[in-house]
């Protein structure tokens, strides 16, 4: 199961993710929705502790991304591991998702 902890830096919601982004990760969609409802239009997802993103997980990420865009917000990913970046490249999501390696730069 994907564990999510929330923190904020200024007006940016930071979601520290840990575990696998898979079919059991609907809590990510819920947490993104909670952030948007509470006025956080800029969301930074920390992927350093994410081990796996599978096909269903890609759908979870796409739904979260679409929700943010529909609210005129921005979502960025930080610390995406190489093997996960390769998956994003295979399905051309590397052209959609903003990925960074430095938190200060991402903010």
PDB file of N, CA and C in Angstrom:
ATOM      1  N   UNK A   1       0.829  -1.189   0.000  1.00  0.00           N
ATOM      2  CA  UNK A   1       0.000   0.000   0.000  1.00  0.00           C
ATOM      3  C   UNK A   1       0.872   1.251   0.000  1.00  0.00           C
ATOM      4  N   UNK A   2       0.423   2.248  -0.730  1.00  0.00           N
ATOM      5  CA  UNK A   2       1.151   3.505  -0.826  1.00  0.00           C
ATOM      6  C   UNK A   2       0.898   4.333   0.425  1.00  0.00           C
ATOM      7  N   UNK A   3       1.969   4.735   1.071  1.00  0.00           N
ATOM      8  CA  UNK A   3       1.868   5.617   2.228  1.00  0.00           C
ATOM      9  C   UNK A   3       2.168   7.033   1.770  1.00  0.00           C
ATOM     10  N   UNK A   4       1.370   7.991   2.270  1.00  0.00           N
ATOM     11  CA  UNK A   4       1.518   9.385   1.862  1.00  0.00           C
ATOM     12  C   UNK A   4       1.562  10.249   3.106  1.00  0.00           C
ATOM     13  N   UNK A   5       2.601  11.059   3.213  1.00  0.00           N
ATOM     14  CA  UNK A   5       2.632  12.037   4.295  1.00  0.00           C
ATOM     15  C   UNK A   5       2.613  13.429   3.661  1.00  0.00           C
ATOM     16  N   UNK A   6       1.902  14.317   4.330  1.00  0.00           N
ATOM     17  CA  UNK A   6       1.696  15.679   3.827  1.00  0.00           C
ATOM     18  C   UNK A   6       2.542  16.657   4.626  1.00  0.00           C
ATOM     19  N   UNK A   7       3.129  17.580   3.913  1.00  0.00           N
ATOM     20  CA  UNK A   7       3.765  18.742   4.527  1.00  0.00           C
ATOM     21  C   UNK A   7       3.617  19.880   3.554  1.00  0.00           C
ATOM     22  N   UNK A   8       3.923  21.058   3.988  1.00  0.00           N
ATOM     23  CA  UNK A   8       3.814  22.190   3.068  1.00  0.00           C
ATOM     24  C   UNK A   8       5.017  23.091   3.207  1.00  0.00           C
ATOM     25  N   UNK A   9       5.297  23.765   2.134  1.00  0.00           N
ATOM     26  CA  UNK A   9       6.361  24.761   2.116  1.00  0.00           C
ATOM     27  C   UNK A   9       5.767  25.969   1.412  1.00  0.00           C
ATOM     28  N   UNK A  10       5.425  26.986   2.192  1.00  0.00           N
ATOM     29  CA  UNK A  10       4.728  28.127   1.632  1.00  0.00           C
ATOM     30  C   UNK A  10       3.357  27.700   1.168  1.00  0.00           C
ATOM     31  N   UNK A  11       3.063  27.967  -0.082  1.00  0.00           N
ATOM     32  CA  UNK A  11       1.751  27.601  -0.624  1.00  0.00           C
ATOM     33  C   UNK A  11       1.781  26.283  -1.405  1.00  0.00           C
ATOM     34  N   UNK A  12       2.885  25.553  -1.304  1.00  0.00           N
ATOM     35  CA  UNK A  12       3.037  24.295  -2.036  1.00  0.00           C
ATOM     36  C   UNK A  12       2.784  23.113  -1.107  1.00  0.00           C
ATOM     37  N   UNK A  13       1.912  22.212  -1.535  1.00  0.00           N
ATOM     38  CA  UNK A  13       1.683  20.957  -0.814  1.00  0.00           C
ATOM     39  C   UNK A  13       2.747  19.969  -1.257  1.00  0.00           C
ATOM     40  N   UNK A  14       3.412  19.359  -0.289  1.00  0.00           N
ATOM     41  CA  UNK A  14       4.428  18.355  -0.587  1.00  0.00           C
ATOM     42  C   UNK A  14       3.925  17.015  -0.073  1.00  0.00           C
ATOM     43  N   UNK A  15       3.840  16.058  -0.985  1.00  0.00           N
ATOM     44  CA  UNK A  15       3.386  14.710  -0.646  1.00  0.00           C
ATOM     45  C   UNK A  15       4.568  13.756  -0.726  1.00  0.00           C
ATOM     46  N   UNK A  16       4.991  13.245   0.420  1.00  0.00           N
ATOM     47  CA  UNK A  16       6.063  12.255   0.457  1.00  0.00           C
ATOM     48  C   UNK A  16       5.438  10.882   0.280  1.00  0.00           C
ATOM     49  N   UNK A  17       5.793  10.226  -0.815  1.00  0.00           N
ATOM     50  CA  UNK A  17       5.219   8.923  -1.152  1.00  0.00           C
ATOM     51  C   UNK A  17       6.189   7.816  -0.762  1.00  0.00           C
ATOM     52  N   UNK A  18       5.639   6.703  -0.280  1.00  0.00           N
ATOM     53  CA  UNK A  18       6.468   5.569   0.093  1.00  0.00           C
ATOM     54  C   UNK A  18       5.719   4.280  -0.226  1.00  0.00           C
ATOM     55  N   UNK A  19       6.366   3.406  -0.961  1.00  0.00           N
ATOM     56  CA  UNK A  19       5.756   2.125  -1.324  1.00  0.00           C
ATOM     57  C   UNK A  19       5.573   1.998  -2.813  1.00  0.00           C
ATOM     58  N   UNK A  20       4.481   1.351  -3.207  1.00  0.00           N
ATOM     59  CA  UNK A  20       4.197   1.096  -4.616  1.00  0.00           C
ATOM     60  C   UNK A  20       2.998   1.908  -5.083  1.00  0.00           C
ATOM     61  N   UNK A  21       3.097   2.465  -6.281  1.00  0.00           N
ATOM     62  CA  UNK A  21       1.953   3.126  -6.903  1.00  0.00           C
ATOM     63  C   UNK A  21       1.330   2.078  -7.817  1.00  0.00           C
ATOM     64  N   UNK A  22       0.206   1.529  -7.350  1.00  0.00           N
ATOM     65  CA  UNK A  22      -0.440   0.433  -8.071  1.00  0.00           C
ATOM     66  C   UNK A  22      -1.950   0.529  -7.918  1.00  0.00           C
ATOM     67  N   UNK A  23      -2.632  -0.567  -8.142  1.00  0.00           N
ATOM     68  CA  UNK A  23      -4.095  -0.563  -8.113  1.00  0.00           C
ATOM     69  C   UNK A  23      -4.650  -0.189  -6.734  1.00  0.00           C
ATOM     70  N   UNK A  24      -3.858  -0.348  -5.694  1.00  0.00           N
ATOM     71  CA  UNK A  24      -4.283  -0.018  -4.332  1.00  0.00           C
ATOM     72  C   UNK A  24      -3.898   1.398  -3.912  1.00  0.00           C
ATOM     73  N   UNK A  25      -3.617   2.262  -4.875  1.00  0.00           N
ATOM     74  CA  UNK A  25      -3.127   3.608  -4.576  1.00  0.00           C
ATOM     75  C   UNK A  25      -4.144   4.711  -4.801  1.00  0.00           C
ATOM     76  N   UNK A  26      -5.420   4.378  -4.675  1.00  0.00           N
ATOM     77  CA  UNK A  26      -6.447   5.408  -4.857  1.00  0.00           C
ATOM     78  C   UNK A  26      -6.342   6.499  -3.796  1.00  0.00           C
ATOM     79  N   UNK A  27      -5.650   6.200  -2.685  1.00  0.00           N
ATOM     80  CA  UNK A  27      -5.453   7.218  -1.659  1.00  0.00           C
ATOM     81  C   UNK A  27      -4.649   8.405  -2.194  1.00  0.00           C
ATOM     82  N   UNK A  28      -3.858   8.198  -3.241  1.00  0.00           N
ATOM     83  CA  UNK A  28      -3.139   9.318  -3.843  1.00  0.00           C
ATOM     84  C   UNK A  28      -4.116  10.269  -4.534  1.00  0.00           C
ATOM     85  N   UNK A  29      -5.096   9.725  -5.233  1.00  0.00           N
ATOM     86  CA  UNK A  29      -6.109  10.559  -5.880  1.00  0.00           C
ATOM     87  C   UNK A  29      -6.885  11.335  -4.813  1.00  0.00           C
ATOM     88  N   UNK A  30      -7.224  10.660  -3.722  1.00  0.00           N
ATOM     89  CA  UNK A  30      -7.947  11.316  -2.637  1.00  0.00           C
ATOM     90  C   UNK A  30      -7.121  12.425  -1.998  1.00  0.00           C
ATOM     91  N   UNK A  31      -5.829  12.177  -1.781  1.00  0.00           N
ATOM     92  CA  UNK A  31      -4.959  13.179  -1.146  1.00  0.00           C
ATOM     93  C   UNK A  31      -4.764  14.380  -2.058  1.00  0.00           C
ATOM     94  N   UNK A  32      -4.609  14.143  -3.361  1.00  0.00           N
ATOM     95  CA  UNK A  32      -4.498  15.252  -4.317  1.00  0.00           C
ATOM     96  C   UNK A  32      -5.790  16.070  -4.291  1.00  0.00           C
ATOM     97  N   UNK A  33      -6.936  15.392  -4.265  1.00  0.00           N
ATOM     98  CA  UNK A  33      -8.216  16.089  -4.181  1.00  0.00           C
ATOM     99  C   UNK A  33      -8.333  16.905  -2.914  1.00  0.00           C
ATOM    100  N   UNK A  34      -7.864  16.355  -1.790  1.00  0.00           N
ATOM    101  CA  UNK A  34      -7.877  17.071  -0.519  1.00  0.00           C
ATOM    102  C   UNK A  34      -7.018  18.337  -0.611  1.00  0.00           C
ATOM    103  N   UNK A  35      -5.843  18.204  -1.219  1.00  0.00           N
ATOM    104  CA  UNK A  35      -4.962  19.366  -1.385  1.00  0.00           C
ATOM    105  C   UNK A  35      -5.663  20.459  -2.192  1.00  0.00           C
ATOM    106  N   UNK A  36      -6.288  20.082  -3.284  1.00  0.00           N
ATOM    107  CA  UNK A  36      -6.981  21.053  -4.135  1.00  0.00           C
ATOM    108  C   UNK A  36      -8.140  21.708  -3.392  1.00  0.00           C
ATOM    109  N   UNK A  37      -8.903  20.931  -2.632  1.00  0.00           N
ATOM    110  CA  UNK A  37     -10.031  21.468  -1.867  1.00  0.00           C
ATOM    111  C   UNK A  37      -9.581  22.448  -0.787  1.00  0.00           C
ATOM    112  N   UNK A  38      -8.358  22.266  -0.311  1.00  0.00           N
ATOM    113  CA  UNK A  38      -7.837  23.107   0.761  1.00  0.00           C
ATOM    114  C   UNK A  38      -6.928  24.221   0.252  1.00  0.00           C
ATOM    115  N   UNK A  39      -7.026  24.514  -1.041  1.00  0.00           N
ATOM    116  CA  UNK A  39      -6.344  25.672  -1.596  1.00  0.00           C
ATOM    117  C   UNK A  39      -4.925  25.476  -2.069  1.00  0.00           C
ATOM    118  N   UNK A  40      -4.447  24.250  -2.077  1.00  0.00           N
ATOM    119  CA  UNK A  40      -3.098  23.976  -2.576  1.00  0.00           C
ATOM    120  C   UNK A  40      -3.184  23.635  -4.057  1.00  0.00           C
ATOM    121  N   UNK A  41      -2.871  24.605  -4.900  1.00  0.00           N
ATOM    122  CA  UNK A  41      -2.926  24.369  -6.346  1.00  0.00           C
ATOM    123  C   UNK A  41      -1.606  23.850  -6.888  1.00  0.00           C
ATOM    124  N   UNK A  42      -0.542  24.038  -6.124  1.00  0.00           N
ATOM    125  CA  UNK A  42       0.776  23.531  -6.513  1.00  0.00           C
ATOM    126  C   UNK A  42       1.119  22.356  -5.604  1.00  0.00           C
ATOM    127  N   UNK A  43       1.383  21.214  -6.235  1.00  0.00           N
ATOM    128  CA  UNK A  43       1.643  19.980  -5.490  1.00  0.00           C
ATOM    129  C   UNK A  43       2.957  19.379  -5.976  1.00  0.00           C
ATOM    130  N   UNK A  44       3.787  19.008  -5.026  1.00  0.00           N
ATOM    131  CA  UNK A  44       5.055  18.350  -5.321  1.00  0.00           C
ATOM    132  C   UNK A  44       5.023  16.962  -4.702  1.00  0.00           C
ATOM    133  N   UNK A  45       5.153  15.944  -5.539  1.00  0.00           N
ATOM    134  CA  UNK A  45       5.158  14.553  -5.081  1.00  0.00           C
ATOM    135  C   UNK A  45       6.596  14.057  -5.027  1.00  0.00           C
ATOM    136  N   UNK A  46       7.016  13.607  -3.852  1.00  0.00           N
ATOM    137  CA  UNK A  46       8.370  13.093  -3.665  1.00  0.00           C
ATOM    138  C   UNK A  46       8.353  11.589  -3.907  1.00  0.00           C
ATOM    139  N   UNK A  47       9.099  11.143  -4.906  1.00  0.00           N
ATOM    140  CA  UNK A  47       9.106   9.741  -5.343  1.00  0.00           C
ATOM    141  C   UNK A  47      10.316   8.961  -4.838  1.00  0.00           C
ATOM    142  N   UNK A  48      11.141   9.531  -3.987  1.00  0.00           N
ATOM    143  CA  UNK A  48      12.386   8.878  -3.586  1.00  0.00           C
ATOM    144  C   UNK A  48      12.172   7.516  -2.944  1.00  0.00           C
ATOM    145  N   UNK A  49      11.048   7.321  -2.252  1.00  0.00           N
ATOM    146  CA  UNK A  49      10.768   6.056  -1.571  1.00  0.00           C
ATOM    147  C   UNK A  49       9.750   5.190  -2.323  1.00  0.00           C
ATOM    148  N   UNK A  50       9.480   5.527  -3.594  1.00  0.00           N
ATOM    149  CA  UNK A  50       8.565   4.729  -4.409  1.00  0.00           C
ATOM    150  C   UNK A  50       9.372   3.627  -5.087  1.00  0.00           C
ATOM    151  N   UNK A  51       8.939   2.396  -4.874  1.00  0.00           N
ATOM    152  CA  UNK A  51       9.656   1.239  -5.418  1.00  0.00           C
ATOM    153  C   UNK A  51       9.177   0.829  -6.795  1.00  0.00           C
ATOM    154  N   UNK A  52       7.874   1.031  -7.058  1.00  0.00           N
ATOM    155  CA  UNK A  52       7.274   0.479  -8.260  1.00  0.00           C
ATOM    156  C   UNK A  52       6.101   1.340  -8.699  1.00  0.00           C
ATOM    157  N   UNK A  53       5.978   1.529  -9.998  1.00  0.00           N
ATOM    158  CA  UNK A  53       4.768   2.097 -10.594  1.00  0.00           C
ATOM    159  C   UNK A  53       4.346   1.116 -11.677  1.00  0.00           C
ATOM    160  N   UNK A  54       3.180   0.499 -11.515  1.00  0.00           N
ATOM    161  CA  UNK A  54       2.714  -0.447 -12.523  1.00  0.00           C
ATOM    162  C   UNK A  54       1.663   0.215 -13.414  1.00  0.00           C
ATOM    163  N   UNK A  55       1.055  -0.592 -14.277  1.00  0.00           N
ATOM    164  CA  UNK A  55       0.087  -0.069 -15.242  1.00  0.00           C
ATOM    165  C   UNK A  55      -1.075   0.650 -14.553  1.00  0.00           C
ATOM    166  N   UNK A  56      -1.618   0.040 -13.525  1.00  0.00           N
ATOM    167  CA  UNK A  56      -2.718   0.675 -12.782  1.00  0.00           C
ATOM    168  C   UNK A  56      -2.223   1.941 -12.087  1.00  0.00           C
ATOM    169  N   UNK A  57      -0.992   1.918 -11.618  1.00  0.00           N
ATOM    170  CA  UNK A  57      -0.403   3.092 -10.979  1.00  0.00           C
ATOM    171  C   UNK A  57      -0.261   4.258 -11.940  1.00  0.00           C
ATOM    172  N   UNK A  58       0.040   3.961 -13.188  1.00  0.00           N
ATOM    173  CA  UNK A  58       0.097   5.018 -14.204  1.00  0.00           C
ATOM    174  C   UNK A  58      -1.263   5.692 -14.339  1.00  0.00           C
ATOM    175  N   UNK A  59      -2.327   4.907 -14.274  1.00  0.00           N
ATOM    176  CA  UNK A  59      -3.679   5.465 -14.337  1.00  0.00           C
ATOM    177  C   UNK A  59      -3.960   6.351 -13.131  1.00  0.00           C
ATOM    178  N   UNK A  60      -3.532   5.920 -11.952  1.00  0.00           N
ATOM    179  CA  UNK A  60      -3.703   6.719 -10.737  1.00  0.00           C
ATOM    180  C   UNK A  60      -2.995   8.058 -10.898  1.00  0.00           C
ATOM    181  N   UNK A  61      -1.765   8.035 -11.389  1.00  0.00           N
ATOM    182  CA  UNK A  61      -1.001   9.270 -11.579  1.00  0.00           C
ATOM    183  C   UNK A  61      -1.657  10.171 -12.623  1.00  0.00           C
ATOM    184  N   UNK A  62      -2.161   9.565 -13.696  1.00  0.00           N
ATOM    185  CA  UNK A  62      -2.809  10.349 -14.749  1.00  0.00           C
ATOM    186  C   UNK A  62      -4.089  11.007 -14.234  1.00  0.00           C
ATOM    187  N   UNK A  63      -4.860  10.294 -13.421  1.00  0.00           N
ATOM    188  CA  UNK A  63      -6.089  10.865 -12.858  1.00  0.00           C
ATOM    189  C   UNK A  63      -5.746  12.023 -11.923  1.00  0.00           C
ATOM    190  N   UNK A  64      -4.748  11.833 -11.074  1.00  0.00           N
ATOM    191  CA  UNK A  64      -4.316  12.910 -10.187  1.00  0.00           C
ATOM    192  C   UNK A  64      -3.838  14.118 -10.965  1.00  0.00           C
ATOM    193  N   UNK A  65      -3.059  13.877 -11.998  1.00  0.00           N
ATOM    194  CA  UNK A  65      -2.563  14.954 -12.855  1.00  0.00           C
ATOM    195  C   UNK A  65      -3.726  15.719 -13.487  1.00  0.00           C
ATOM    196  N   UNK A  66      -4.691  14.986 -14.018  1.00  0.00           N
ATOM    197  CA  UNK A  66      -5.841  15.620 -14.677  1.00  0.00           C
ATOM    198  C   UNK A  66      -6.655  16.464 -13.696  1.00  0.00           C
ATOM    199  N   UNK A  67      -6.828  15.961 -12.472  1.00  0.00           N
ATOM    200  CA  UNK A  67      -7.543  16.733 -11.452  1.00  0.00           C
ATOM    201  C   UNK A  67      -6.848  18.054 -11.161  1.00  0.00           C
ATOM    202  N   UNK A  68      -5.542  18.009 -11.061  1.00  0.00           N
ATOM    203  CA  UNK A  68      -4.786  19.234 -10.777  1.00  0.00           C
ATOM    204  C   UNK A  68      -4.896  20.217 -11.939  1.00  0.00           C
ATOM    205  N   UNK A  69      -4.730  19.732 -13.139  1.00  0.00           N
ATOM    206  CA  UNK A  69      -4.821  20.585 -14.326  1.00  0.00           C
ATOM    207  C   UNK A  69      -6.217  21.195 -14.438  1.00  0.00           C
ATOM    208  N   UNK A  70      -7.248  20.411 -14.154  1.00  0.00           N
ATOM    209  CA  UNK A  70      -8.617  20.921 -14.210  1.00  0.00           C
ATOM    210  C   UNK A  70      -8.871  22.029 -13.195  1.00  0.00           C
ATOM    211  N   UNK A  71      -8.078  22.049 -12.121  1.00  0.00           N
ATOM    212  CA  UNK A  71      -8.188  23.105 -11.112  1.00  0.00           C
ATOM    213  C   UNK A  71      -7.168  24.225 -11.355  1.00  0.00           C
ATOM    214  N   UNK A  72      -6.583  24.222 -12.553  1.00  0.00           N
ATOM    215  CA  UNK A  72      -5.594  25.230 -12.952  1.00  0.00           C
ATOM    216  C   UNK A  72      -4.364  25.239 -12.035  1.00  0.00           C
ATOM    217  N   UNK A  73      -4.025  24.049 -11.536  1.00  0.00           N
ATOM    218  CA  UNK A  73      -2.862  23.916 -10.673  1.00  0.00           C
ATOM    219  C   UNK A  73      -1.692  23.282 -11.401  1.00  0.00           C
ATOM    220  N   UNK A  74      -0.667  22.978 -10.619  1.00  0.00           N
ATOM    221  CA  UNK A  74       0.518  22.312 -11.167  1.00  0.00           C
ATOM    222  C   UNK A  74       0.923  21.178 -10.234  1.00  0.00           C
ATOM    223  N   UNK A  75       1.328  20.078 -10.828  1.00  0.00           N
ATOM    224  CA  UNK A  75       1.848  18.956 -10.053  1.00  0.00           C
ATOM    225  C   UNK A  75       3.207  18.588 -10.638  1.00  0.00           C
ATOM    226  N   UNK A  76       4.169  18.389  -9.733  1.00  0.00           N
ATOM    227  CA  UNK A  76       5.521  18.048 -10.152  1.00  0.00           C
ATOM    228  C   UNK A  76       5.984  16.840  -9.348  1.00  0.00           C
ATOM    229  N   UNK A  77       6.919  16.106  -9.928  1.00  0.00           N
ATOM    230  CA  UNK A  77       7.467  14.923  -9.281  1.00  0.00           C
ATOM    231  C   UNK A  77       8.943  15.156  -8.994  1.00  0.00           C
ATOM    232  N   UNK A  78       9.380  14.737  -7.817  1.00  0.00           N
ATOM    233  CA  UNK A  78      10.764  14.916  -7.399  1.00  0.00           C
ATOM    234  C   UNK A  78      11.370  13.569  -7.025  1.00  0.00           C
ATOM    235  N   UNK A  79      12.608  13.350  -7.442  1.00  0.00           N
ATOM    236  CA  UNK A  79      13.340  12.155  -7.039  1.00  0.00           C
ATOM    237  C   UNK A  79      12.833  10.866  -7.651  1.00  0.00           C
ATOM    238  N   UNK A  80      12.361  10.938  -8.889  1.00  0.00           N
ATOM    239  CA  UNK A  80      11.871   9.735  -9.567  1.00  0.00           C
ATOM    240  C   UNK A  80      13.071   8.858  -9.926  1.00  0.00           C
ATOM    241  N   UNK A  81      13.026   7.618  -9.484  1.00  0.00           N
ATOM    242  CA  UNK A  81      14.132   6.702  -9.745  1.00  0.00           C
ATOM    243  C   UNK A  81      14.206   6.353 -11.231  1.00  0.00           C
ATOM    244  N   UNK A  82      15.392   5.975 -11.678  1.00  0.00           N
ATOM    245  CA  UNK A  82      15.657   5.728 -13.094  1.00  0.00           C
ATOM    246  C   UNK A  82      14.716   4.673 -13.683  1.00  0.00           C
ATOM    247  N   UNK A  83      14.490   3.583 -12.968  1.00  0.00           N
ATOM    248  CA  UNK A  83      13.642   2.521 -13.526  1.00  0.00           C
ATOM    249  C   UNK A  83      12.185   2.992 -13.677  1.00  0.00           C
ATOM    250  N   UNK A  84      11.754   3.925 -12.853  1.00  0.00           N
ATOM    251  CA  UNK A  84      10.405   4.470 -12.991  1.00  0.00           C
ATOM    252  C   UNK A  84      10.365   5.494 -14.122  1.00  0.00           C
ATOM    253  N   UNK A  85      11.420   6.278 -14.269  1.00  0.00           N
ATOM    254  CA  UNK A  85      11.502   7.221 -15.393  1.00  0.00           C
ATOM    255  C   UNK A  85      11.416   6.479 -16.724  1.00  0.00           C
ATOM    256  N   UNK A  86      12.029   5.297 -16.787  1.00  0.00           N
ATOM    257  CA  UNK A  86      11.981   4.504 -18.013  1.00  0.00           C
ATOM    258  C   UNK A  86      10.550   4.096 -18.349  1.00  0.00           C
ATOM    259  N   UNK A  87       9.780   3.760 -17.320  1.00  0.00           N
ATOM    260  CA  UNK A  87       8.366   3.409 -17.542  1.00  0.00           C
ATOM    261  C   UNK A  87       7.619   4.624 -18.081  1.00  0.00           C
ATOM    262  N   UNK A  88       7.852   5.794 -17.473  1.00  0.00           N
ATOM    263  CA  UNK A  88       7.210   7.024 -17.955  1.00  0.00           C
ATOM    264  C   UNK A  88       7.588   7.295 -19.412  1.00  0.00           C
ATOM    265  N   UNK A  89       8.842   7.037 -19.770  1.00  0.00           N
ATOM    266  CA  UNK A  89       9.288   7.237 -21.159  1.00  0.00           C
ATOM    267  C   UNK A  89       8.583   6.279 -22.117  1.00  0.00           C
ATOM    268  N   UNK A  90       8.422   5.035 -21.706  1.00  0.00           N
ATOM    269  CA  UNK A  90       7.785   4.035 -22.568  1.00  0.00           C
ATOM    270  C   UNK A  90       6.363   4.412 -22.955  1.00  0.00           C
ATOM    271  N   UNK A  91       5.665   5.075 -22.055  1.00  0.00           N
ATOM    272  CA  UNK A  91       4.273   5.448 -22.327  1.00  0.00           C
ATOM    273  C   UNK A  91       4.132   6.942 -22.606  1.00  0.00           C
ATOM    274  N   UNK A  92       5.261   7.603 -22.856  1.00  0.00           N
ATOM    275  CA  UNK A  92       5.342   9.019 -23.236  1.00  0.00           C
ATOM    276  C   UNK A  92       4.835   9.970 -22.150  1.00  0.00           C
ATOM    277  N   UNK A  93       4.771   9.514 -20.900  1.00  0.00           N
ATOM    278  CA  UNK A  93       4.369  10.410 -19.820  1.00  0.00           C
ATOM    279  C   UNK A  93       5.514  11.308 -19.360  1.00  0.00           C
ATOM    280  N   UNK A  94       6.730  10.999 -19.818  1.00  0.00           N
ATOM    281  CA  UNK A  94       7.849  11.881 -19.496  1.00  0.00           C
ATOM    282  C   UNK A  94       7.693  13.242 -20.168  1.00  0.00           C
ATOM    283  N   UNK A  95       6.844  13.323 -21.186  1.00  0.00           N
ATOM    284  CA  UNK A  95       6.565  14.597 -21.860  1.00  0.00           C
ATOM    285  C   UNK A  95       5.425  15.352 -21.175  1.00  0.00           C
ATOM    286  N   UNK A  96       4.720  14.667 -20.299  1.00  0.00           N
ATOM    287  CA  UNK A  96       3.576  15.264 -19.605  1.00  0.00           C
ATOM    288  C   UNK A  96       3.950  15.660 -18.182  1.00  0.00           C
ATOM    289  N   UNK A  97       4.569  14.739 -17.450  1.00  0.00           N
ATOM    290  CA  UNK A  97       4.922  14.978 -16.060  1.00  0.00           C
ATOM    291  C   UNK A  97       6.189  15.814 -15.965  1.00  0.00           C
ATOM    292  N   UNK A  98       6.171  16.791 -15.064  1.00  0.00           N
ATOM    293  CA  UNK A  98       7.376  17.573 -14.774  1.00  0.00           C
ATOM    294  C   UNK A  98       8.148  16.845 -13.689  1.00  0.00           C
ATOM    295  N   UNK A  99       9.383  16.451 -13.997  1.00  0.00           N
ATOM    296  CA  UNK A  99      10.210  15.702 -13.050  1.00  0.00           C
ATOM    297  C   UNK A  99      11.480  16.478 -12.749  1.00  0.00           C
ATOM    298  N   UNK A 100      11.839  16.485 -11.464  1.00  0.00           N
ATOM    299  CA  UNK A 100      13.002  17.233 -10.996  1.00  0.00           C
ATOM    300  C   UNK A 100      13.828  16.359 -10.063  1.00  0.00           C
ATOM    301  N   UNK A 101      15.096  16.745  -9.912  1.00  0.00           N
ATOM    302  CA  UNK A 101      15.988  16.053  -8.992  1.00  0.00           C
ATOM    303  C   UNK A 101      16.349  16.920  -7.787  1.00  0.00           C
ATOM    304  N   UNK A 102      16.008  18.202  -7.821  1.00  0.00           N
ATOM    305  CA  UNK A 102      16.349  19.135  -6.752  1.00  0.00           C
ATOM    306  C   UNK A 102      15.071  19.790  -6.220  1.00  0.00           C
ATOM    307  N   UNK A 103      14.828  19.670  -4.915  1.00  0.00           N
ATOM    308  CA  UNK A 103      13.589  20.179  -4.322  1.00  0.00           C
ATOM    309  C   UNK A 103      13.463  21.689  -4.471  1.00  0.00           C
ATOM    310  N   UNK A 104      14.524  22.410  -4.192  1.00  0.00           N
ATOM    311  CA  UNK A 104      14.456  23.869  -4.297  1.00  0.00           C
ATOM    312  C   UNK A 104      14.127  24.320  -5.722  1.00  0.00           C
ATOM    313  N   UNK A 105      14.713  23.642  -6.694  1.00  0.00           N
ATOM    314  CA  UNK A 105      14.431  23.974  -8.093  1.00  0.00           C
ATOM    315  C   UNK A 105      12.990  23.645  -8.458  1.00  0.00           C
ATOM    316  N   UNK A 106      12.491  22.517  -7.942  1.00  0.00           N
ATOM    317  CA  UNK A 106      11.128  22.097  -8.224  1.00  0.00           C
ATOM    318  C   UNK A 106      10.107  23.069  -7.630  1.00  0.00           C
ATOM    319  N   UNK A 107      10.430  23.609  -6.462  1.00  0.00           N
ATOM    320  CA  UNK A 107       9.508  24.541  -5.805  1.00  0.00           C
ATOM    321  C   UNK A 107       9.480  25.858  -6.551  1.00  0.00           C
TER     322      UNK A 107
END
